[in-house]
Every structure is written in C-alpha cells, then in structure tokens.
Amino acid sequence: MFALNTRGKRWVYGQAFQTGDWLIFGNESSGLPDAIRQDIGEANWLRLPMQPDNRSLNLSTAVAVTEFETWRQTGFDGAV
C-alpha cells in the first residue's frame, strides 16, 4: 500500500509496482489524514515530481498519471 502525498521523499517513477499494489490518495484541500499516513508508514509515501514553486496537480490528474505508470510497469495487463 502506498500513500501519494507531498511529503513523500521518493517519486512514483522510482517505485517498482506490482499487480495488487494499492494506491491511496487524499482529497485536494487537505490531503491524507495523519492517521492514515502513519498507518501506511513513511517508507511507502510517494510523490509526483513537480516544478519548484508550482501548485500541486489536481486529484484527478495525479490519480491518472500515477495509475497509468503502475499499469505501464505491470505490462498493461488487461489492455486490448
């Protein structure tokens, strides 16, 4: 299980995803609650790369970009 969060120290693109991995995203205004982040553990916090001084991506864009990367890494399983 991975938490996508601006406090993550590793990029999504540095993680080797496997079929069955879970991705947890928080809402746009406040992110993930502290309790959920702590349950997942800092070692499994990931983030998307951003340009300095830019705002974060909106939630739907962050989910789409991250989910596509996990799908790519797992060989586009189920694609037609």
PDB file of N, CA and C in Angstrom:
ATOM      1  N   MET A   1       0.852  -1.175   0.000  1.00  0.00           N
ATOM      2  CA  MET A   1       0.000   0.000   0.000  1.00  0.00           C
ATOM      3  C   MET A   1       0.895   1.234   0.000  1.00  0.00           C
ATOM      4  N   PHE A   2       0.575   2.163  -0.862  1.00  0.00           N
ATOM      5  CA  PHE A   2       1.360   3.389  -0.994  1.00  0.00           C
ATOM      6  C   PHE A   2       0.456   4.608  -0.829  1.00  0.00           C
ATOM      7  N   ALA A   3       0.958   5.608  -0.127  1.00  0.00           N
ATOM      8  CA  ALA A   3       0.249   6.874   0.047  1.00  0.00           C
ATOM      9  C   ALA A   3       0.900   7.906  -0.853  1.00  0.00           C
ATOM     10  N   LEU A   4       0.107   8.520  -1.713  1.00  0.00           N
ATOM     11  CA  LEU A   4       0.601   9.610  -2.550  1.00  0.00           C
ATOM     12  C   LEU A   4       0.422  10.894  -1.787  1.00  0.00           C
ATOM     13  N   ASN A   5       1.523  11.638  -1.623  1.00  0.00           N
ATOM     14  CA  ASN A   5       1.470  12.749  -0.708  1.00  0.00           C
ATOM     15  C   ASN A   5       2.665  13.658  -0.941  1.00  0.00           C
ATOM     16  N   THR A   6       2.468  14.930  -0.738  1.00  0.00           N
ATOM     17  CA  THR A   6       3.541  15.898  -0.994  1.00  0.00           C
ATOM     18  C   THR A   6       4.715  15.724  -0.036  1.00  0.00           C
ATOM     19  N   ARG A   7       4.535  14.970   1.027  1.00  0.00           N
ATOM     20  CA  ARG A   7       5.626  14.725   1.986  1.00  0.00           C
ATOM     21  C   ARG A   7       6.464  13.506   1.637  1.00  0.00           C
ATOM     22  N   GLY A   8       6.064  12.777   0.596  1.00  0.00           N
ATOM     23  CA  GLY A   8       6.835  11.615   0.186  1.00  0.00           C
ATOM     24  C   GLY A   8       8.229  12.026  -0.270  1.00  0.00           C
ATOM     25  N   LYS A   9       9.202  11.211   0.025  1.00  0.00           N
ATOM     26  CA  LYS A   9      10.581  11.519  -0.352  1.00  0.00           C
ATOM     27  C   LYS A   9      10.992  10.817  -1.652  1.00  0.00           C
ATOM     28  N   ARG A  10      10.187   9.853  -2.087  1.00  0.00           N
ATOM     29  CA  ARG A  10      10.506   9.113  -3.322  1.00  0.00           C
ATOM     30  C   ARG A  10       9.452   9.398  -4.380  1.00  0.00           C
ATOM     31  N   TRP A  11       9.900   9.488  -5.613  1.00  0.00           N
ATOM     32  CA  TRP A  11       8.987   9.697  -6.726  1.00  0.00           C
ATOM     33  C   TRP A  11       8.265   8.398  -7.072  1.00  0.00           C
ATOM     34  N   VAL A  12       7.072   8.542  -7.597  1.00  0.00           N
ATOM     35  CA  VAL A  12       6.301   7.418  -8.108  1.00  0.00           C
ATOM     36  C   VAL A  12       7.132   6.632  -9.115  1.00  0.00           C
ATOM     37  N   TYR A  13       7.906   7.337  -9.941  1.00  0.00           N
ATOM     38  CA  TYR A  13       8.657   6.701 -11.023  1.00  0.00           C
ATOM     39  C   TYR A  13       9.864   5.910 -10.537  1.00  0.00           C
ATOM     40  N   GLY A  14      10.208   6.029  -9.273  1.00  0.00           N
ATOM     41  CA  GLY A  14      11.290   5.238  -8.702  1.00  0.00           C
ATOM     42  C   GLY A  14      10.809   3.979  -8.006  1.00  0.00           C
ATOM     43  N   GLN A  15       9.497   3.794  -7.944  1.00  0.00           N
ATOM     44  CA  GLN A  15       8.906   2.645  -7.274  1.00  0.00           C
ATOM     45  C   GLN A  15       8.606   1.548  -8.291  1.00  0.00           C
ATOM     46  N   ALA A  16       8.995   0.314  -7.975  1.00  0.00           N
ATOM     47  CA  ALA A  16       8.650  -0.828  -8.829  1.00  0.00           C
ATOM     48  C   ALA A  16       7.307  -1.370  -8.352  1.00  0.00           C
ATOM     49  N   PHE A  17       6.252  -1.087  -9.115  1.00  0.00           N
ATOM     50  CA  PHE A  17       4.915  -1.528  -8.740  1.00  0.00           C
ATOM     51  C   PHE A  17       4.668  -2.948  -9.215  1.00  0.00           C
ATOM     52  N   GLN A  18       3.791  -3.627  -8.486  1.00  0.00           N
ATOM     53  CA  GLN A  18       3.399  -4.988  -8.823  1.00  0.00           C
ATOM     54  C   GLN A  18       1.880  -5.072  -8.842  1.00  0.00           C
ATOM     55  N   THR A  19       1.354  -6.011  -9.606  1.00  0.00           N
ATOM     56  CA  THR A  19      -0.081  -6.252  -9.608  1.00  0.00           C
ATOM     57  C   THR A  19      -0.528  -6.497  -8.172  1.00  0.00           C
ATOM     58  N   GLY A  20      -1.598  -5.842  -7.775  1.00  0.00           N
ATOM     59  CA  GLY A  20      -2.114  -5.998  -6.416  1.00  0.00           C
ATOM     60  C   GLY A  20      -1.714  -4.884  -5.465  1.00  0.00           C
ATOM     61  N   ASP A  21      -0.771  -4.019  -5.881  1.00  0.00           N
ATOM     62  CA  ASP A  21      -0.411  -2.876  -5.036  1.00  0.00           C
ATOM     63  C   ASP A  21      -1.600  -1.931  -4.917  1.00  0.00           C
ATOM     64  N   TRP A  22      -1.703  -1.259  -3.794  1.00  0.00           N
ATOM     65  CA  TRP A  22      -2.763  -0.292  -3.542  1.00  0.00           C
ATOM     66  C   TRP A  22      -2.165   1.099  -3.504  1.00  0.00           C
ATOM     67  N   LEU A  23      -2.901   2.066  -4.051  1.00  0.00           N
ATOM     68  CA  LEU A  23      -2.519   3.475  -4.022  1.00  0.00           C
ATOM     69  C   LEU A  23      -3.599   4.243  -3.278  1.00  0.00           C
ATOM     70  N   ILE A  24      -3.202   5.052  -2.303  1.00  0.00           N
ATOM     71  CA  ILE A  24      -4.148   5.837  -1.515  1.00  0.00           C
ATOM     72  C   ILE A  24      -3.867   7.318  -1.765  1.00  0.00           C
ATOM     73  N   PHE A  25      -4.905   8.059  -2.113  1.00  0.00           N
ATOM     74  CA  PHE A  25      -4.811   9.492  -2.375  1.00  0.00           C
ATOM     75  C   PHE A  25      -5.729  10.222  -1.408  1.00  0.00           C
ATOM     76  N   GLY A  26      -5.309  11.384  -0.959  1.00  0.00           N
ATOM     77  CA  GLY A  26      -6.171  12.215  -0.123  1.00  0.00           C
ATOM     78  C   GLY A  26      -6.953  13.201  -0.963  1.00  0.00           C
ATOM     79  N   ASN A  27      -7.792  13.989  -0.296  1.00  0.00           N
ATOM     80  CA  ASN A  27      -8.552  14.986  -1.058  1.00  0.00           C
ATOM     81  C   ASN A  27      -7.668  16.178  -1.401  1.00  0.00           C
ATOM     82  N   GLU A  28      -8.139  17.006  -2.313  1.00  0.00           N
ATOM     83  CA  GLU A  28      -7.320  18.106  -2.827  1.00  0.00           C
ATOM     84  C   GLU A  28      -7.010  19.174  -1.779  1.00  0.00           C
ATOM     85  N   SER A  29      -7.933  19.437  -0.899  1.00  0.00           N
ATOM     86  CA  SER A  29      -7.735  20.559   0.019  1.00  0.00           C
ATOM     87  C   SER A  29      -6.854  20.220   1.215  1.00  0.00           C
ATOM     88  N   SER A  30      -6.931  18.984   1.717  1.00  0.00           N
ATOM     89  CA  SER A  30      -6.165  18.686   2.937  1.00  0.00           C
ATOM     90  C   SER A  30      -5.304  17.439   2.847  1.00  0.00           C
ATOM     91  N   GLY A  31      -5.349  16.723   1.741  1.00  0.00           N
ATOM     92  CA  GLY A  31      -4.523  15.533   1.600  1.00  0.00           C
ATOM     93  C   GLY A  31      -5.016  14.387   2.465  1.00  0.00           C
ATOM     94  N   LEU A  32      -4.134  13.461   2.762  1.00  0.00           N
ATOM     95  CA  LEU A  32      -4.478  12.311   3.593  1.00  0.00           C
ATOM     96  C   LEU A  32      -4.434  12.686   5.067  1.00  0.00           C
ATOM     97  N   PRO A  33      -5.360  12.159   5.853  1.00  0.00           N
ATOM     98  CA  PRO A  33      -5.293  12.385   7.299  1.00  0.00           C
ATOM     99  C   PRO A  33      -3.999  11.800   7.884  1.00  0.00           C
ATOM    100  N   ASP A  34      -3.484  12.439   8.915  1.00  0.00           N
ATOM    101  CA  ASP A  34      -2.243  11.990   9.555  1.00  0.00           C
ATOM    102  C   ASP A  34      -2.299  10.516   9.950  1.00  0.00           C
ATOM    103  N   ALA A  35      -3.422  10.069  10.496  1.00  0.00           N
ATOM    104  CA  ALA A  35      -3.534   8.679  10.962  1.00  0.00           C
ATOM    105  C   ALA A  35      -3.342   7.688   9.818  1.00  0.00           C
ATOM    106  N   ILE A  36      -3.883   7.994   8.661  1.00  0.00           N
ATOM    107  CA  ILE A  36      -3.724   7.089   7.508  1.00  0.00           C
ATOM    108  C   ILE A  36      -2.285   7.085   7.041  1.00  0.00           C
ATOM    109  N   ARG A  37      -1.679   8.273   6.940  1.00  0.00           N
ATOM    110  CA  ARG A  37      -0.265   8.322   6.530  1.00  0.00           C
ATOM    111  C   ARG A  37       0.603   7.520   7.495  1.00  0.00           C
ATOM    112  N   GLN A  38       0.357   7.664   8.781  1.00  0.00           N
ATOM    113  CA  GLN A  38       1.167   6.948   9.767  1.00  0.00           C
ATOM    114  C   GLN A  38       0.957   5.441   9.665  1.00  0.00           C
ATOM    115  N   ASP A  39      -0.287   4.991   9.425  1.00  0.00           N
ATOM    116  CA  ASP A  39      -0.554   3.556   9.274  1.00  0.00           C
ATOM    117  C   ASP A  39       0.189   2.975   8.078  1.00  0.00           C
ATOM    118  N   ILE A  40       0.264   3.730   6.997  1.00  0.00           N
ATOM    119  CA  ILE A  40       0.953   3.258   5.795  1.00  0.00           C
ATOM    120  C   ILE A  40       2.465   3.276   6.004  1.00  0.00           C
ATOM    121  N   GLY A  41       2.954   4.270   6.705  1.00  0.00           N
ATOM    122  CA  GLY A  41       4.385   4.356   7.002  1.00  0.00           C
ATOM    123  C   GLY A  41       5.145   5.182   5.991  1.00  0.00           C
ATOM    124  N   GLU A  42       6.037   6.014   6.484  1.00  0.00           N
ATOM    125  CA  GLU A  42       6.787   6.950   5.642  1.00  0.00           C
ATOM    126  C   GLU A  42       7.555   6.267   4.519  1.00  0.00           C
ATOM    127  N   ALA A  43       7.998   5.038   4.732  1.00  0.00           N
ATOM    128  CA  ALA A  43       8.742   4.311   3.689  1.00  0.00           C
ATOM    129  C   ALA A  43       7.884   4.074   2.451  1.00  0.00           C
ATOM    130  N   ASN A  44       6.554   4.119   2.599  1.00  0.00           N
ATOM    131  CA  ASN A  44       5.654   3.886   1.466  1.00  0.00           C
ATOM    132  C   ASN A  44       4.917   5.148   1.045  1.00  0.00           C
ATOM    133  N   TRP A  45       5.457   6.306   1.376  1.00  0.00           N
ATOM    134  CA  TRP A  45       4.913   7.571   0.879  1.00  0.00           C
ATOM    135  C   TRP A  45       5.620   7.897  -0.433  1.00  0.00           C
ATOM    136  N   LEU A  46       4.847   8.203  -1.442  1.00  0.00           N
ATOM    137  CA  LEU A  46       5.390   8.552  -2.750  1.00  0.00           C
ATOM    138  C   LEU A  46       4.866   9.925  -3.161  1.00  0.00           C
ATOM    139  N   ARG A  47       5.558  10.528  -4.114  1.00  0.00           N
ATOM    140  CA  ARG A  47       5.097  11.816  -4.641  1.00  0.00           C
ATOM    141  C   ARG A  47       5.382  11.870  -6.136  1.00  0.00           C
ATOM    142  N   LEU A  48       4.674  12.774  -6.782  1.00  0.00           N
ATOM    143  CA  LEU A  48       4.936  13.046  -8.196  1.00  0.00           C
ATOM    144  C   LEU A  48       5.929  14.196  -8.299  1.00  0.00           C
ATOM    145  N   PRO A  49       6.824  14.169  -9.276  1.00  0.00           N
ATOM    146  CA  PRO A  49       7.747  15.293  -9.438  1.00  0.00           C
ATOM    147  C   PRO A  49       6.979  16.548  -9.847  1.00  0.00           C
ATOM    148  N   MET A  50       7.429  17.674  -9.342  1.00  0.00           N
ATOM    149  CA  MET A  50       6.803  18.970  -9.645  1.00  0.00           C
ATOM    150  C   MET A  50       7.896  20.003  -9.880  1.00  0.00           C
ATOM    151  N   GLN A  51       7.578  21.013 -10.633  1.00  0.00           N
ATOM    152  CA  GLN A  51       8.486  22.143 -10.809  1.00  0.00           C
ATOM    153  C   GLN A  51       8.490  22.972  -9.517  1.00  0.00           C
ATOM    154  N   PRO A  52       9.620  23.530  -9.139  1.00  0.00           N
ATOM    155  CA  PRO A  52       9.656  24.378  -7.938  1.00  0.00           C
ATOM    156  C   PRO A  52       8.633  25.511  -8.035  1.00  0.00           C
ATOM    157  N   ASP A  53       8.020  25.817  -6.919  1.00  0.00           N
ATOM    158  CA  ASP A  53       7.067  26.922  -6.796  1.00  0.00           C
ATOM    159  C   ASP A  53       5.785  26.733  -7.598  1.00  0.00           C
ATOM    160  N   ASN A  54       5.516  25.516  -8.100  1.00  0.00           N
ATOM    161  CA  ASN A  54       4.246  25.239  -8.772  1.00  0.00           C
ATOM    162  C   ASN A  54       3.273  24.641  -7.770  1.00  0.00           C
ATOM    163  N   ARG A  55       2.008  24.836  -8.014  1.00  0.00           N
ATOM    164  CA  ARG A  55       0.989  24.194  -7.196  1.00  0.00           C
ATOM    165  C   ARG A  55       0.944  22.713  -7.527  1.00  0.00           C
ATOM    166  N   SER A  56       0.399  21.931  -6.628  1.00  0.00           N
ATOM    167  CA  SER A  56       0.225  20.500  -6.870  1.00  0.00           C
ATOM    168  C   SER A  56      -0.786  20.265  -7.986  1.00  0.00           C
ATOM    169  N   LEU A  57      -0.703  19.114  -8.617  1.00  0.00           N
ATOM    170  CA  LEU A  57      -1.694  18.716  -9.610  1.00  0.00           C
ATOM    171  C   LEU A  57      -3.033  18.490  -8.923  1.00  0.00           C
ATOM    172  N   ASN A  58      -4.131  18.658  -9.664  1.00  0.00           N
ATOM    173  CA  ASN A  58      -5.412  18.334  -9.033  1.00  0.00           C
ATOM    174  C   ASN A  58      -5.510  16.820  -8.867  1.00  0.00           C
ATOM    175  N   LEU A  59      -6.416  16.402  -8.019  1.00  0.00           N
ATOM    176  CA  LEU A  59      -6.507  15.000  -7.636  1.00  0.00           C
ATOM    177  C   LEU A  59      -6.729  14.074  -8.826  1.00  0.00           C
ATOM    178  N   SER A  60      -7.647  14.413  -9.710  1.00  0.00           N
ATOM    179  CA  SER A  60      -7.928  13.510 -10.832  1.00  0.00           C
ATOM    180  C   SER A  60      -6.709  13.352 -11.740  1.00  0.00           C
ATOM    181  N   THR A  61      -5.953  14.407 -11.932  1.00  0.00           N
ATOM    182  CA  THR A  61      -4.743  14.327 -12.755  1.00  0.00           C
ATOM    183  C   THR A  61      -3.676  13.486 -12.062  1.00  0.00           C
ATOM    184  N   ALA A  62      -3.487  13.694 -10.775  1.00  0.00           N
ATOM    185  CA  ALA A  62      -2.498  12.913 -10.019  1.00  0.00           C
ATOM    186  C   ALA A  62      -2.834  11.425 -10.043  1.00  0.00           C
ATOM    187  N   VAL A  63      -4.115  11.102  -9.877  1.00  0.00           N
ATOM    188  CA  VAL A  63      -4.535   9.696  -9.921  1.00  0.00           C
ATOM    189  C   VAL A  63      -4.279   9.112 -11.306  1.00  0.00           C
ATOM    190  N   ALA A  64      -4.659   9.829 -12.354  1.00  0.00           N
ATOM    191  CA  ALA A  64      -4.495   9.321 -13.715  1.00  0.00           C
ATOM    192  C   ALA A  64      -3.027   9.083 -14.053  1.00  0.00           C
ATOM    193  N   VAL A  65      -2.179  10.045 -13.732  1.00  0.00           N
ATOM    194  CA  VAL A  65      -0.744   9.921 -14.044  1.00  0.00           C
ATOM    195  C   VAL A  65      -0.141   8.738 -13.288  1.00  0.00           C
ATOM    196  N   THR A  66      -0.476   8.615 -12.028  1.00  0.00           N
ATOM    197  CA  THR A  66       0.089   7.544 -11.196  1.00  0.00           C
ATOM    198  C   THR A  66      -0.451   6.183 -11.607  1.00  0.00           C
ATOM    199  N   GLU A  67      -1.743   6.094 -11.833  1.00  0.00           N
ATOM    200  CA  GLU A  67      -2.338   4.817 -12.226  1.00  0.00           C
ATOM    201  C   GLU A  67      -1.791   4.354 -13.575  1.00  0.00           C
ATOM    202  N   PHE A  68      -1.603   5.266 -14.513  1.00  0.00           N
ATOM    203  CA  PHE A  68      -1.051   4.876 -15.798  1.00  0.00           C
ATOM    204  C   PHE A  68       0.374   4.338 -15.636  1.00  0.00           C
ATOM    205  N   GLU A  69       1.155   4.942 -14.759  1.00  0.00           N
ATOM    206  CA  GLU A  69       2.517   4.442 -14.514  1.00  0.00           C
ATOM    207  C   GLU A  69       2.483   3.044 -13.912  1.00  0.00           C
ATOM    208  N   THR A  70       1.589   2.775 -12.990  1.00  0.00           N
ATOM    209  CA  THR A  70       1.511   1.423 -12.418  1.00  0.00           C
ATOM    210  C   THR A  70       1.084   0.417 -13.484  1.00  0.00           C
ATOM    211  N   TRP A  71       0.151   0.821 -14.331  1.00  0.00           N
ATOM    212  CA  TRP A  71      -0.313  -0.058 -15.403  1.00  0.00           C
ATOM    213  C   TRP A  71       0.809  -0.326 -16.401  1.00  0.00           C
ATOM    214  N   ARG A  72       1.563   0.713 -16.745  1.00  0.00           N
ATOM    215  CA  ARG A  72       2.706   0.552 -17.664  1.00  0.00           C
ATOM    216  C   ARG A  72       3.706  -0.443 -17.094  1.00  0.00           C
ATOM    217  N   GLN A  73       4.018  -0.281 -15.800  1.00  0.00           N
ATOM    218  CA  GLN A  73       5.009  -1.157 -15.179  1.00  0.00           C
ATOM    219  C   GLN A  73       4.555  -2.612 -15.114  1.00  0.00           C
ATOM    220  N   THR A  74       3.264  -2.827 -15.063  1.00  0.00           N
ATOM    221  CA  THR A  74       2.768  -4.211 -14.988  1.00  0.00           C
ATOM    222  C   THR A  74       2.396  -4.746 -16.372  1.00  0.00           C
ATOM    223  N   GLY A  75       2.962  -4.139 -17.400  1.00  0.00           N
ATOM    224  CA  GLY A  75       2.823  -4.644 -18.763  1.00  0.00           C
ATOM    225  C   GLY A  75       1.463  -4.386 -19.393  1.00  0.00           C
ATOM    226  N   PHE A  76       0.782  -3.331 -18.952  1.00  0.00           N
ATOM    227  CA  PHE A  76      -0.547  -3.003 -19.463  1.00  0.00           C
ATOM    228  C   PHE A  76      -1.481  -4.206 -19.389  1.00  0.00           C
ATOM    229  N   ASP A  77      -1.427  -4.876 -18.255  1.00  0.00           N
ATOM    230  CA  ASP A  77      -2.243  -6.073 -18.011  1.00  0.00           C
ATOM    231  C   ASP A  77      -3.713  -5.779 -18.309  1.00  0.00           C
ATOM    232  N   GLY A  78      -4.314  -6.599 -19.150  1.00  0.00           N
ATOM    233  CA  GLY A  78      -5.726  -6.464 -19.494  1.00  0.00           C
ATOM    234  C   GLY A  78      -6.013  -5.545 -20.667  1.00  0.00           C
ATOM    235  N   ALA A  79      -4.978  -4.908 -21.231  1.00  0.00           N
ATOM    236  CA  ALA A  79      -5.195  -3.985 -22.346  1.00  0.00           C
ATOM    237  C   ALA A  79      -5.643  -4.733 -23.586  1.00  0.00           C
ATOM    238  N   VAL A  80      -6.424  -4.044 -24.384  1.00  0.00           N
ATOM    239  CA  VAL A  80      -6.872  -4.633 -25.658  1.00  0.00           C
ATOM    240  C   VAL A  80      -6.355  -3.808 -26.809  1.00  0.00           C
TER     241      VAL A  80
END
